[in-house]
PDB file of all heavy atoms in Angstrom:
ATOM      1  N   LEU A   1       8.631  -1.375 -15.104  1.00  0.00           N
ATOM      2  CA  LEU A   1       9.045  -0.721 -13.872  1.00  0.00           C
ATOM      3  C   LEU A   1       8.394  -1.431 -12.690  1.00  0.00           C
ATOM      4  O   LEU A   1       7.240  -1.864 -12.782  1.00  0.00           O
ATOM      5  CB  LEU A   1       8.638   0.746 -13.864  1.00  0.00           C
ATOM      6  CG  LEU A   1       9.302   1.660 -14.897  1.00  0.00           C
ATOM      7  CD1 LEU A   1       8.573   2.996 -14.970  1.00  0.00           C
ATOM      8  CD2 LEU A   1      10.773   1.877 -14.551  1.00  0.00           C
ATOM      9  N   THR A   2       9.120  -1.550 -11.603  1.00  0.00           N
ATOM     10  CA  THR A   2       8.559  -2.108 -10.373  1.00  0.00           C
ATOM     11  C   THR A   2       8.122  -0.971  -9.471  1.00  0.00           C
ATOM     12  O   THR A   2       8.960  -0.180  -9.021  1.00  0.00           O
ATOM     13  CB  THR A   2       9.589  -2.986  -9.648  1.00  0.00           C
ATOM     14  OG1 THR A   2       9.988  -4.054 -10.504  1.00  0.00           O
ATOM     15  CG2 THR A   2       8.985  -3.563  -8.364  1.00  0.00           C
ATOM     16  N   PRO A   3       6.825  -0.850  -9.198  1.00  0.00           N
ATOM     17  CA  PRO A   3       6.355   0.261  -8.361  1.00  0.00           C
ATOM     18  C   PRO A   3       6.655   0.034  -6.886  1.00  0.00           C
ATOM     19  O   PRO A   3       6.475  -1.068  -6.356  1.00  0.00           O
ATOM     20  CB  PRO A   3       4.847   0.277  -8.611  1.00  0.00           C
ATOM     21  CG  PRO A   3       4.516  -1.148  -8.964  1.00  0.00           C
ATOM     22  CD  PRO A   3       5.719  -1.691  -9.680  1.00  0.00           C
ATOM     23  N   ILE A   4       7.143   1.070  -6.249  1.00  0.00           N
ATOM     24  CA  ILE A   4       7.324   1.093  -4.799  1.00  0.00           C
ATOM     25  C   ILE A   4       6.459   2.214  -4.259  1.00  0.00           C
ATOM     26  O   ILE A   4       6.606   3.369  -4.674  1.00  0.00           O
ATOM     27  CB  ILE A   4       8.796   1.353  -4.416  1.00  0.00           C
ATOM     28  CG1 ILE A   4       9.718   0.278  -5.007  1.00  0.00           C
ATOM     29  CG2 ILE A   4       8.946   1.429  -2.905  1.00  0.00           C
ATOM     30  CD1 ILE A   4      11.195   0.587  -4.834  1.00  0.00           C
ATOM     31  N   LEU A   5       5.540   1.894  -3.361  1.00  0.00           N
ATOM     32  CA  LEU A   5       4.697   2.925  -2.761  1.00  0.00           C
ATOM     33  C   LEU A   5       5.417   3.532  -1.565  1.00  0.00           C
ATOM     34  O   LEU A   5       5.794   2.829  -0.622  1.00  0.00           O
ATOM     35  CB  LEU A   5       3.353   2.349  -2.332  1.00  0.00           C
ATOM     36  CG  LEU A   5       2.440   1.884  -3.467  1.00  0.00           C
ATOM     37  CD1 LEU A   5       1.076   1.466  -2.913  1.00  0.00           C
ATOM     38  CD2 LEU A   5       2.244   2.977  -4.522  1.00  0.00           C
ATOM     39  N   ALA A   6       5.625   4.839  -1.615  1.00  0.00           N
ATOM     40  CA  ALA A   6       6.305   5.545  -0.538  1.00  0.00           C
ATOM     41  C   ALA A   6       5.378   5.684   0.664  1.00  0.00           C
ATOM     42  O   ALA A   6       4.221   6.073   0.532  1.00  0.00           O
ATOM     43  CB  ALA A   6       6.748   6.925  -1.017  1.00  0.00           C
ATOM     44  N   HIS A   7       5.905   5.335   1.818  1.00  0.00           N
ATOM     45  CA  HIS A   7       5.260   5.480   3.129  1.00  0.00           C
ATOM     46  C   HIS A   7       3.728   5.329   3.107  1.00  0.00           C
ATOM     47  O   HIS A   7       3.003   6.269   3.468  1.00  0.00           O
ATOM     48  CB  HIS A   7       5.646   6.799   3.793  1.00  0.00           C
ATOM     49  CG  HIS A   7       5.587   8.013   2.921  1.00  0.00           C
ATOM     50  ND1 HIS A   7       4.425   8.519   2.418  1.00  0.00           N
ATOM     51  CD2 HIS A   7       6.578   8.822   2.473  1.00  0.00           C
ATOM     52  CE1 HIS A   7       4.683   9.593   1.706  1.00  0.00           C
ATOM     53  NE2 HIS A   7       5.986   9.798   1.719  1.00  0.00           N
ATOM     54  N   PRO A   8       3.198   4.183   2.690  1.00  0.00           N
ATOM     55  CA  PRO A   8       1.732   4.004   2.673  1.00  0.00           C
ATOM     56  C   PRO A   8       1.112   4.113   4.057  1.00  0.00           C
ATOM     57  O   PRO A   8      -0.093   4.410   4.171  1.00  0.00           O
ATOM     58  CB  PRO A   8       1.555   2.603   2.084  1.00  0.00           C
ATOM     59  CG  PRO A   8       2.833   1.891   2.382  1.00  0.00           C
ATOM     60  CD  PRO A   8       3.898   2.940   2.269  1.00  0.00           C
ATOM     61  N   GLU A   9       1.901   3.900   5.095  1.00  0.00           N
ATOM     62  CA  GLU A   9       1.367   3.982   6.461  1.00  0.00           C
ATOM     63  C   GLU A   9       0.916   5.385   6.828  1.00  0.00           C
ATOM     64  O   GLU A   9       0.131   5.568   7.778  1.00  0.00           O
ATOM     65  CB  GLU A   9       2.421   3.496   7.457  1.00  0.00           C
ATOM     66  CG  GLU A   9       3.539   4.468   7.791  1.00  0.00           C
ATOM     67  CD  GLU A   9       4.633   4.560   6.725  1.00  0.00           C
ATOM     68  OE1 GLU A   9       4.530   3.849   5.699  1.00  0.00           O
ATOM     69  OE2 GLU A   9       5.596   5.342   6.911  1.00  0.00           O
ATOM     70  N   ARG A  10       1.352   6.392   6.089  1.00  0.00           N
ATOM     71  CA  ARG A  10       1.028   7.778   6.443  1.00  0.00           C
ATOM     72  C   ARG A  10      -0.327   8.239   5.911  1.00  0.00           C
ATOM     73  O   ARG A  10      -0.765   9.341   6.246  1.00  0.00           O
ATOM     74  CB  ARG A  10       2.138   8.703   5.945  1.00  0.00           C
ATOM     75  CG  ARG A  10       3.457   8.511   6.674  1.00  0.00           C
ATOM     76  CD  ARG A  10       4.531   9.458   6.163  1.00  0.00           C
ATOM     77  NE  ARG A  10       4.141  10.854   6.329  1.00  0.00           N
ATOM     78  CZ  ARG A  10       4.834  11.891   5.855  1.00  0.00           C
ATOM     79  NH1 ARG A  10       5.946  11.666   5.166  1.00  0.00           N
ATOM     80  NH2 ARG A  10       4.421  13.122   6.039  1.00  0.00           N
ATOM     81  N   PHE A  11      -0.991   7.411   5.124  1.00  0.00           N
ATOM     82  CA  PHE A  11      -2.253   7.821   4.517  1.00  0.00           C
ATOM     83  C   PHE A  11      -3.425   7.281   5.337  1.00  0.00           C
ATOM     84  O   PHE A  11      -3.612   6.061   5.445  1.00  0.00           O
ATOM     85  CB  PHE A  11      -2.318   7.345   3.068  1.00  0.00           C
ATOM     86  CG  PHE A  11      -1.153   7.848   2.258  1.00  0.00           C
ATOM     87  CD1 PHE A  11      -0.170   6.978   1.813  1.00  0.00           C
ATOM     88  CD2 PHE A  11      -1.017   9.203   1.993  1.00  0.00           C
ATOM     89  CE1 PHE A  11       0.920   7.447   1.093  1.00  0.00           C
ATOM     90  CE2 PHE A  11       0.067   9.684   1.274  1.00  0.00           C
ATOM     91  CZ  PHE A  11       1.043   8.807   0.830  1.00  0.00           C
ATOM     92  N   LYS A  12      -4.203   8.187   5.891  1.00  0.00           N
ATOM     93  CA  LYS A  12      -5.249   7.791   6.828  1.00  0.00           C
ATOM     94  C   LYS A  12      -6.333   6.951   6.173  1.00  0.00           C
ATOM     95  O   LYS A  12      -6.998   6.149   6.841  1.00  0.00           O
ATOM     96  CB  LYS A  12      -5.848   9.036   7.477  1.00  0.00           C
ATOM     97  CG  LYS A  12      -4.866   9.768   8.400  1.00  0.00           C
ATOM     98  CD  LYS A  12      -5.502  10.955   9.095  1.00  0.00           C
ATOM     99  CE  LYS A  12      -4.510  11.631  10.035  1.00  0.00           C
ATOM    100  NZ  LYS A  12      -5.105  12.801  10.735  1.00  0.00           N
ATOM    101  N   TYR A  13      -6.527   7.114   4.865  1.00  0.00           N
ATOM    102  CA  TYR A  13      -7.577   6.344   4.216  1.00  0.00           C
ATOM    103  C   TYR A  13      -7.239   4.858   4.159  1.00  0.00           C
ATOM    104  O   TYR A  13      -8.138   4.030   3.993  1.00  0.00           O
ATOM    105  CB  TYR A  13      -7.894   6.885   2.815  1.00  0.00           C
ATOM    106  CG  TYR A  13      -6.723   7.225   1.933  1.00  0.00           C
ATOM    107  CD1 TYR A  13      -6.045   6.251   1.210  1.00  0.00           C
ATOM    108  CD2 TYR A  13      -6.313   8.549   1.796  1.00  0.00           C
ATOM    109  CE1 TYR A  13      -4.997   6.572   0.368  1.00  0.00           C
ATOM    110  CE2 TYR A  13      -5.262   8.882   0.953  1.00  0.00           C
ATOM    111  CZ  TYR A  13      -4.601   7.897   0.237  1.00  0.00           C
ATOM    112  OH  TYR A  13      -3.558   8.220  -0.591  1.00  0.00           O
ATOM    113  N   TYR A  14      -5.967   4.512   4.302  1.00  0.00           N
ATOM    114  CA  TYR A  14      -5.618   3.091   4.401  1.00  0.00           C
ATOM    115  C   TYR A  14      -5.775   2.583   5.838  1.00  0.00           C
ATOM    116  O   TYR A  14      -6.038   1.404   6.046  1.00  0.00           O
ATOM    117  CB  TYR A  14      -4.192   2.854   3.920  1.00  0.00           C
ATOM    118  CG  TYR A  14      -3.999   3.067   2.443  1.00  0.00           C
ATOM    119  CD1 TYR A  14      -2.833   3.630   1.946  1.00  0.00           C
ATOM    120  CD2 TYR A  14      -4.979   2.696   1.523  1.00  0.00           C
ATOM    121  CE1 TYR A  14      -2.648   3.825   0.586  1.00  0.00           C
ATOM    122  CE2 TYR A  14      -4.807   2.892   0.159  1.00  0.00           C
ATOM    123  CZ  TYR A  14      -3.639   3.453  -0.297  1.00  0.00           C
ATOM    124  OH  TYR A  14      -3.460   3.646  -1.646  1.00  0.00           O
ATOM    125  N   ALA A  15      -5.601   3.460   6.796  1.00  0.00           N
ATOM    126  CA  ALA A  15      -5.730   3.050   8.199  1.00  0.00           C
ATOM    127  C   ALA A  15      -7.132   2.542   8.514  1.00  0.00           C
ATOM    128  O   ALA A  15      -7.307   1.682   9.383  1.00  0.00           O
ATOM    129  CB  ALA A  15      -5.379   4.215   9.125  1.00  0.00           C
ATOM    130  N   ILE A  16      -8.132   3.047   7.787  1.00  0.00           N
ATOM    131  CA  ILE A  16      -9.509   2.609   8.044  1.00  0.00           C
ATOM    132  C   ILE A  16      -9.932   1.507   7.081  1.00  0.00           C
ATOM    133  O   ILE A  16     -11.071   1.037   7.140  1.00  0.00           O
ATOM    134  CB  ILE A  16     -10.494   3.796   7.955  1.00  0.00           C
ATOM    135  CG1 ILE A  16     -10.448   4.447   6.572  1.00  0.00           C
ATOM    136  CG2 ILE A  16     -10.191   4.819   9.044  1.00  0.00           C
ATOM    137  CD1 ILE A  16     -11.473   5.547   6.384  1.00  0.00           C
ATOM    138  N   ASN A  17      -9.032   1.107   6.219  1.00  0.00           N
ATOM    139  CA  ASN A  17      -9.324   0.023   5.277  1.00  0.00           C
ATOM    140  C   ASN A  17      -8.030  -0.737   5.004  1.00  0.00           C
ATOM    141  O   ASN A  17      -7.471  -0.687   3.914  1.00  0.00           O
ATOM    142  CB  ASN A  17      -9.908   0.586   3.977  1.00  0.00           C
ATOM    143  CG  ASN A  17     -10.233  -0.512   2.969  1.00  0.00           C
ATOM    144  OD1 ASN A  17     -10.374  -1.682   3.331  1.00  0.00           O
ATOM    145  ND2 ASN A  17     -10.332  -0.143   1.701  1.00  0.00           N
ATOM    146  N   LYS A  18      -7.565  -1.443   6.014  1.00  0.00           N
ATOM    147  CA  LYS A  18      -6.243  -2.073   5.921  1.00  0.00           C
ATOM    148  C   LYS A  18      -6.192  -3.189   4.890  1.00  0.00           C
ATOM    149  O   LYS A  18      -5.101  -3.559   4.438  1.00  0.00           O
ATOM    150  CB  LYS A  18      -5.803  -2.560   7.294  1.00  0.00           C
ATOM    151  CG  LYS A  18      -5.485  -1.426   8.266  1.00  0.00           C
ATOM    152  CD  LYS A  18      -4.880  -1.952   9.540  1.00  0.00           C
ATOM    153  CE  LYS A  18      -4.428  -0.808  10.444  1.00  0.00           C
ATOM    154  NZ  LYS A  18      -5.522   0.033  10.908  1.00  0.00           N
ATOM    155  N   GLN A  19      -7.326  -3.741   4.506  1.00  0.00           N
ATOM    156  CA  GLN A  19      -7.294  -4.756   3.459  1.00  0.00           C
ATOM    157  C   GLN A  19      -6.826  -4.174   2.121  1.00  0.00           C
ATOM    158  O   GLN A  19      -6.365  -4.907   1.247  1.00  0.00           O
ATOM    159  CB  GLN A  19      -8.668  -5.412   3.308  1.00  0.00           C
ATOM    160  CG  GLN A  19      -8.970  -6.429   4.392  1.00  0.00           C
ATOM    161  CD  GLN A  19      -7.876  -7.483   4.529  1.00  0.00           C
ATOM    162  OE1 GLN A  19      -7.518  -8.150   3.556  1.00  0.00           O
ATOM    163  NE2 GLN A  19      -7.346  -7.613   5.729  1.00  0.00           N
ATOM    164  N   ARG A  20      -6.933  -2.868   2.006  1.00  0.00           N
ATOM    165  CA  ARG A  20      -6.428  -2.225   0.779  1.00  0.00           C
ATOM    166  C   ARG A  20      -4.905  -2.374   0.693  1.00  0.00           C
ATOM    167  O   ARG A  20      -4.355  -2.515  -0.400  1.00  0.00           O
ATOM    168  CB  ARG A  20      -6.837  -0.753   0.761  1.00  0.00           C
ATOM    169  CG  ARG A  20      -6.454  -0.025  -0.520  1.00  0.00           C
ATOM    170  CD  ARG A  20      -7.154  -0.601  -1.733  1.00  0.00           C
ATOM    171  NE  ARG A  20      -6.899   0.215  -2.925  1.00  0.00           N
ATOM    172  CZ  ARG A  20      -6.737  -0.282  -4.135  1.00  0.00           C
ATOM    173  NH1 ARG A  20      -6.839  -1.586  -4.345  1.00  0.00           N
ATOM    174  NH2 ARG A  20      -6.509   0.525  -5.157  1.00  0.00           N
ATOM    175  N   PHE A  21      -4.233  -2.343   1.837  1.00  0.00           N
ATOM    176  CA  PHE A  21      -2.805  -2.632   1.856  1.00  0.00           C
ATOM    177  C   PHE A  21      -2.530  -3.986   1.196  1.00  0.00           C
ATOM    178  O   PHE A  21      -1.647  -4.122   0.354  1.00  0.00           O
ATOM    179  CB  PHE A  21      -2.276  -2.692   3.299  1.00  0.00           C
ATOM    180  CG  PHE A  21      -2.108  -1.377   3.991  1.00  0.00           C
ATOM    181  CD1 PHE A  21      -2.535  -1.211   5.294  1.00  0.00           C
ATOM    182  CD2 PHE A  21      -1.465  -0.311   3.365  1.00  0.00           C
ATOM    183  CE1 PHE A  21      -2.353  -0.013   5.967  1.00  0.00           C
ATOM    184  CE2 PHE A  21      -1.279   0.896   4.032  1.00  0.00           C
ATOM    185  CZ  PHE A  21      -1.736   1.036   5.336  1.00  0.00           C
ATOM    186  N   VAL A  22      -3.290  -4.976   1.602  1.00  0.00           N
ATOM    187  CA  VAL A  22      -3.094  -6.337   1.099  1.00  0.00           C
ATOM    188  C   VAL A  22      -3.339  -6.391  -0.406  1.00  0.00           C
ATOM    189  O   VAL A  22      -2.567  -6.997  -1.158  1.00  0.00           O
ATOM    190  CB  VAL A  22      -4.009  -7.322   1.841  1.00  0.00           C
ATOM    191  CG1 VAL A  22      -3.852  -8.735   1.291  1.00  0.00           C
ATOM    192  CG2 VAL A  22      -3.724  -7.306   3.340  1.00  0.00           C
ATOM    193  N   GLN A  23      -4.396  -5.732  -0.856  1.00  0.00           N
ATOM    194  CA  GLN A  23      -4.720  -5.729  -2.287  1.00  0.00           C
ATOM    195  C   GLN A  23      -3.597  -5.116  -3.111  1.00  0.00           C
ATOM    196  O   GLN A  23      -3.194  -5.656  -4.154  1.00  0.00           O
ATOM    197  CB  GLN A  23      -6.018  -4.956  -2.516  1.00  0.00           C
ATOM    198  CG  GLN A  23      -7.255  -5.629  -1.949  1.00  0.00           C
ATOM    199  CD  GLN A  23      -8.470  -4.713  -1.997  1.00  0.00           C
ATOM    200  OE1 GLN A  23      -8.373  -3.539  -2.386  1.00  0.00           O
ATOM    201  NE2 GLN A  23      -9.620  -5.235  -1.590  1.00  0.00           N
ATOM    202  N   LEU A  24      -3.099  -3.980  -2.661  1.00  0.00           N
ATOM    203  CA  LEU A  24      -2.048  -3.288  -3.414  1.00  0.00           C
ATOM    204  C   LEU A  24      -0.751  -4.097  -3.428  1.00  0.00           C
ATOM    205  O   LEU A  24      -0.064  -4.183  -4.448  1.00  0.00           O
ATOM    206  CB  LEU A  24      -1.806  -1.903  -2.820  1.00  0.00           C
ATOM    207  CG  LEU A  24      -2.940  -0.894  -3.010  1.00  0.00           C
ATOM    208  CD1 LEU A  24      -2.700   0.343  -2.159  1.00  0.00           C
ATOM    209  CD2 LEU A  24      -3.080  -0.505  -4.475  1.00  0.00           C
ATOM    210  N   HIS A  25      -0.431  -4.674  -2.302  1.00  0.00           N
ATOM    211  CA  HIS A  25       0.790  -5.481  -2.228  1.00  0.00           C
ATOM    212  C   HIS A  25       0.665  -6.717  -3.107  1.00  0.00           C
ATOM    213  O   HIS A  25       1.605  -7.080  -3.829  1.00  0.00           O
ATOM    214  CB  HIS A  25       1.066  -5.865  -0.773  1.00  0.00           C
ATOM    215  CG  HIS A  25       2.494  -6.235  -0.517  1.00  0.00           C
ATOM    216  ND1 HIS A  25       2.945  -7.528  -0.518  1.00  0.00           N
ATOM    217  CD2 HIS A  25       3.592  -5.457  -0.256  1.00  0.00           C
ATOM    218  CE1 HIS A  25       4.238  -7.549  -0.259  1.00  0.00           C
ATOM    219  NE2 HIS A  25       4.661  -6.307  -0.092  1.00  0.00           N
ATOM    220  N   ASN A  26      -0.481  -7.337  -3.082  1.00  0.00           N
ATOM    221  CA  ASN A  26      -0.708  -8.514  -3.929  1.00  0.00           C
ATOM    222  C   ASN A  26      -0.677  -8.167  -5.412  1.00  0.00           C
ATOM    223  O   ASN A  26      -0.381  -9.020  -6.257  1.00  0.00           O
ATOM    224  CB  ASN A  26      -2.042  -9.175  -3.587  1.00  0.00           C
ATOM    225  CG  ASN A  26      -2.005  -9.925  -2.277  1.00  0.00           C
ATOM    226  OD1 ASN A  26      -0.932 -10.199  -1.724  1.00  0.00           O
ATOM    227  ND2 ASN A  26      -3.172 -10.260  -1.740  1.00  0.00           N
ATOM    228  N   ALA A  27      -0.978  -6.899  -5.734  1.00  0.00           N
ATOM    229  CA  ALA A  27      -0.949  -6.448  -7.128  1.00  0.00           C
ATOM    230  C   ALA A  27       0.470  -6.178  -7.628  1.00  0.00           C
ATOM    231  O   ALA A  27       0.658  -5.843  -8.797  1.00  0.00           O
ATOM    232  CB  ALA A  27      -1.803  -5.200  -7.293  1.00  0.00           C
ATOM    233  N   GLY A  28       1.451  -6.303  -6.753  1.00  0.00           N
ATOM    234  CA  GLY A  28       2.842  -6.145  -7.174  1.00  0.00           C
ATOM    235  C   GLY A  28       3.525  -4.875  -6.724  1.00  0.00           C
ATOM    236  O   GLY A  28       4.675  -4.634  -7.110  1.00  0.00           O
ATOM    237  N   ALA A  29       2.842  -4.052  -5.916  1.00  0.00           N
ATOM    238  CA  ALA A  29       3.466  -2.840  -5.401  1.00  0.00           C
ATOM    239  C   ALA A  29       4.279  -3.179  -4.155  1.00  0.00           C
ATOM    240  O   ALA A  29       3.767  -3.802  -3.225  1.00  0.00           O
ATOM    241  CB  ALA A  29       2.411  -1.793  -5.067  1.00  0.00           C
ATOM    242  N   LEU A  30       5.543  -2.800  -4.153  1.00  0.00           N
ATOM    243  CA  LEU A  30       6.353  -2.939  -2.949  1.00  0.00           C
ATOM    244  C   LEU A  30       6.037  -1.786  -1.999  1.00  0.00           C
ATOM    245  O   LEU A  30       5.639  -0.703  -2.436  1.00  0.00           O
ATOM    246  CB  LEU A  30       7.839  -2.935  -3.305  1.00  0.00           C
ATOM    247  CG  LEU A  30       8.317  -4.049  -4.250  1.00  0.00           C
ATOM    248  CD1 LEU A  30       9.802  -3.892  -4.541  1.00  0.00           C
ATOM    249  CD2 LEU A  30       8.018  -5.424  -3.679  1.00  0.00           C
ATOM    250  N   PHE A  31       6.212  -2.010  -0.712  1.00  0.00           N
ATOM    251  CA  PHE A  31       5.914  -0.991   0.297  1.00  0.00           C
ATOM    252  C   PHE A  31       7.202  -0.517   0.957  1.00  0.00           C
ATOM    253  O   PHE A  31       7.974  -1.320   1.492  1.00  0.00           O
ATOM    254  CB  PHE A  31       4.987  -1.557   1.378  1.00  0.00           C
ATOM    255  CG  PHE A  31       3.556  -1.739   0.954  1.00  0.00           C
ATOM    256  CD1 PHE A  31       2.637  -2.290   1.839  1.00  0.00           C
ATOM    257  CD2 PHE A  31       3.105  -1.375  -0.309  1.00  0.00           C
ATOM    258  CE1 PHE A  31       1.313  -2.467   1.468  1.00  0.00           C
ATOM    259  CE2 PHE A  31       1.794  -1.537  -0.691  1.00  0.00           C
ATOM    260  CZ  PHE A  31       0.890  -2.091   0.209  1.00  0.00           C
ATOM    261  N   GLN A  32       7.403   0.800   0.910  1.00  0.00           N
ATOM    262  CA  GLN A  32       8.512   1.429   1.616  1.00  0.00           C
ATOM    263  C   GLN A  32       7.942   2.207   2.787  1.00  0.00           C
ATOM    264  O   GLN A  32       7.191   3.174   2.606  1.00  0.00           O
ATOM    265  CB  GLN A  32       9.289   2.369   0.697  1.00  0.00           C
ATOM    266  CG  GLN A  32      10.395   3.179   1.392  1.00  0.00           C
ATOM    267  CD  GLN A  32       9.925   4.558   1.817  1.00  0.00           C
ATOM    268  OE1 GLN A  32       9.467   5.337   0.980  1.00  0.00           O
ATOM    269  NE2 GLN A  32      10.014   4.872   3.103  1.00  0.00           N
TER     270      GLN A  32
END
């Protein structure tokens, strides 16, 4: 299965650690 993360921009814990976005995307999660 190809994981798609729903609206990751809405989670405040990523707003204070934006490199986590990069890590998750690099791990193969698509961002919606």
